[in-house]
Amino acid sequence: MTGVIWACYAVLAVAVTGYVARILRPGTSLADRMVALDSMLVAFVGILAVFTARTGRADHADALLIVSLLAFLATVTVARYIERRGT
């Protein structure tokens, strides 16, 4: 079972690395960067979920909920900003 958990960590780490590269890449629009940031937050939630499953502690579920809600609110806020800005 630990092999599966470490494989999940590895896949999510590769995903986060790709998202960071997308955010830091010059010439990308604000919308592209926001999509990459939102995807990175989803990967972070995945890492936290794998950690919660590995340790078996249910108190990390609160952190999962909070991070998910913050990611959603950040995405909606930036989407409204982009819509009003007109780009």
C-alpha atoms as a PDB file:
ATOM      1  CA  MET A   1       0.000   0.000   0.000  1.00  0.00           C
ATOM      2  CA  THR A   2       2.824   2.406   0.669  1.00  0.00           C
ATOM      3  CA  GLY A   3       3.957   2.065  -2.939  1.00  0.00           C
ATOM      4  CA  VAL A   4       0.592   3.339  -4.133  1.00  0.00           C
ATOM      5  CA  ILE A   5       0.718   6.258  -1.732  1.00  0.00           C
ATOM      6  CA  TRP A   6       4.213   7.252  -2.851  1.00  0.00           C
ATOM      7  CA  ALA A   7       3.144   6.911  -6.493  1.00  0.00           C
ATOM      8  CA  CYS A   8       0.258   9.301  -5.785  1.00  0.00           C
ATOM      9  CA  TYR A   9       2.660  11.741  -4.158  1.00  0.00           C
ATOM     10  CA  ALA A  10       5.001  11.507  -7.169  1.00  0.00           C
ATOM     11  CA  VAL A  11       2.237  12.117  -9.712  1.00  0.00           C
ATOM     12  CA  LEU A  12       0.878  15.075  -7.765  1.00  0.00           C
ATOM     13  CA  ALA A  13       4.377  16.521  -7.343  1.00  0.00           C
ATOM     14  CA  VAL A  14       4.943  16.336 -11.114  1.00  0.00           C
ATOM     15  CA  ALA A  15       1.582  18.031 -11.658  1.00  0.00           C
ATOM     16  CA  VAL A  16       2.414  20.835  -9.216  1.00  0.00           C
ATOM     17  CA  THR A  17       5.775  21.332 -10.928  1.00  0.00           C
ATOM     18  CA  GLY A  18       4.014  21.711 -14.277  1.00  0.00           C
ATOM     19  CA  TYR A  19       1.555  24.189 -12.836  1.00  0.00           C
ATOM     20  CA  VAL A  20       4.330  26.273 -11.294  1.00  0.00           C
ATOM     21  CA  ALA A  21       6.122  26.299 -14.651  1.00  0.00           C
ATOM     22  CA  ARG A  22       2.918  27.494 -16.302  1.00  0.00           C
ATOM     23  CA  ILE A  23       2.454  30.267 -13.754  1.00  0.00           C
ATOM     24  CA  LEU A  24       6.032  31.511 -14.072  1.00  0.00           C
ATOM     25  CA  ARG A  25       6.117  31.275 -17.865  1.00  0.00           C
ATOM     26  CA  PRO A  26       6.374  34.725 -19.426  1.00  0.00           C
ATOM     27  CA  GLY A  27       3.680  35.838 -21.825  1.00  0.00           C
ATOM     28  CA  THR A  28       0.758  33.986 -20.274  1.00  0.00           C
ATOM     29  CA  SER A  29      -2.460  35.811 -19.606  1.00  0.00           C
ATOM     30  CA  LEU A  30      -4.028  36.336 -16.216  1.00  0.00           C
ATOM     31  CA  ALA A  31      -6.709  33.774 -17.011  1.00  0.00           C
ATOM     32  CA  ASP A  32      -4.081  31.137 -17.891  1.00  0.00           C
ATOM     33  CA  ARG A  33      -2.237  31.807 -14.669  1.00  0.00           C
ATOM     34  CA  MET A  34      -5.438  31.581 -12.651  1.00  0.00           C
ATOM     35  CA  VAL A  35      -6.332  28.237 -14.203  1.00  0.00           C
ATOM     36  CA  ALA A  36      -2.845  26.965 -13.367  1.00  0.00           C
ATOM     37  CA  LEU A  37      -3.110  28.284  -9.813  1.00  0.00           C
ATOM     38  CA  ASP A  38      -6.541  26.722  -9.350  1.00  0.00           C
ATOM     39  CA  SER A  39      -5.260  23.413 -10.690  1.00  0.00           C
ATOM     40  CA  MET A  40      -2.284  23.631  -8.357  1.00  0.00           C
ATOM     41  CA  LEU A  41      -4.636  24.128  -5.421  1.00  0.00           C
ATOM     42  CA  VAL A  42      -6.616  21.078  -6.510  1.00  0.00           C
ATOM     43  CA  ALA A  43      -3.362  19.097  -6.604  1.00  0.00           C
ATOM     44  CA  PHE A  44      -2.562  20.412  -3.118  1.00  0.00           C
ATOM     45  CA  VAL A  45      -5.949  19.166  -1.931  1.00  0.00           C
ATOM     46  CA  GLY A  46      -5.078  15.809  -3.487  1.00  0.00           C
ATOM     47  CA  ILE A  47      -1.778  15.721  -1.616  1.00  0.00           C
ATOM     48  CA  LEU A  48      -3.577  16.567   1.610  1.00  0.00           C
ATOM     49  CA  ALA A  49      -6.174  13.852   0.911  1.00  0.00           C
ATOM     50  CA  VAL A  50      -3.451  11.248   0.334  1.00  0.00           C
ATOM     51  CA  PHE A  51      -1.757  12.355   3.548  1.00  0.00           C
ATOM     52  CA  THR A  52      -5.059  12.041   5.398  1.00  0.00           C
ATOM     53  CA  ALA A  53      -5.594   8.552   4.005  1.00  0.00           C
ATOM     54  CA  ARG A  54      -2.031   7.546   4.902  1.00  0.00           C
ATOM     55  CA  THR A  55      -2.219   8.738   8.503  1.00  0.00           C
ATOM     56  CA  GLY A  56      -5.837   7.742   9.066  1.00  0.00           C
ATOM     57  CA  ARG A  57      -6.569  10.925  10.999  1.00  0.00           C
ATOM     58  CA  ALA A  58      -9.923  12.488  10.249  1.00  0.00           C
ATOM     59  CA  ASP A  59      -9.043  15.909  11.629  1.00  0.00           C
ATOM     60  CA  HIS A  60      -7.252  16.770   8.386  1.00  0.00           C
ATOM     61  CA  ALA A  61     -10.610  16.648   6.610  1.00  0.00           C
ATOM     62  CA  ASP A  62     -11.348  20.112   7.988  1.00  0.00           C
ATOM     63  CA  ALA A  63      -8.252  21.443   6.255  1.00  0.00           C
ATOM     64  CA  LEU A  64      -9.377  19.764   3.023  1.00  0.00           C
ATOM     65  CA  LEU A  65     -12.706  21.541   3.212  1.00  0.00           C
ATOM     66  CA  ILE A  66     -11.183  24.928   4.002  1.00  0.00           C
ATOM     67  CA  VAL A  67      -8.581  24.763   1.220  1.00  0.00           C
ATOM     68  CA  SER A  68     -11.231  23.643  -1.281  1.00  0.00           C
ATOM     69  CA  LEU A  69     -13.532  26.515  -0.363  1.00  0.00           C
ATOM     70  CA  LEU A  70     -10.700  29.041  -0.522  1.00  0.00           C
ATOM     71  CA  ALA A  71      -9.679  27.755  -3.963  1.00  0.00           C
ATOM     72  CA  PHE A  72     -13.252  28.099  -5.199  1.00  0.00           C
ATOM     73  CA  LEU A  73     -13.637  31.605  -3.802  1.00  0.00           C
ATOM     74  CA  ALA A  74     -10.318  32.708  -5.264  1.00  0.00           C
ATOM     75  CA  THR A  75     -11.275  31.390  -8.685  1.00  0.00           C
ATOM     76  CA  VAL A  76     -14.651  33.134  -8.630  1.00  0.00           C
ATOM     77  CA  THR A  77     -13.093  36.389  -7.452  1.00  0.00           C
ATOM     78  CA  VAL A  78     -10.446  36.438 -10.165  1.00  0.00           C
ATOM     79  CA  ALA A  79     -12.997  35.427 -12.812  1.00  0.00           C
ATOM     80  CA  ARG A  80     -15.181  38.387 -11.845  1.00  0.00           C
ATOM     81  CA  TYR A  81     -12.152  40.673 -11.932  1.00  0.00           C
ATOM     82  CA  ILE A  82     -11.181  39.459 -15.401  1.00  0.00           C
ATOM     83  CA  GLU A  83     -14.760  39.863 -16.620  1.00  0.00           C
ATOM     84  CA  ARG A  84     -14.978  43.451 -15.381  1.00  0.00           C
ATOM     85  CA  ARG A  85     -11.531  44.307 -16.718  1.00  0.00           C
ATOM     86  CA  GLY A  86     -12.470  43.073 -20.176  1.00  0.00           C
ATOM     87  CA  THR A  87      -9.394  41.031 -21.078  1.00  0.00           C
END
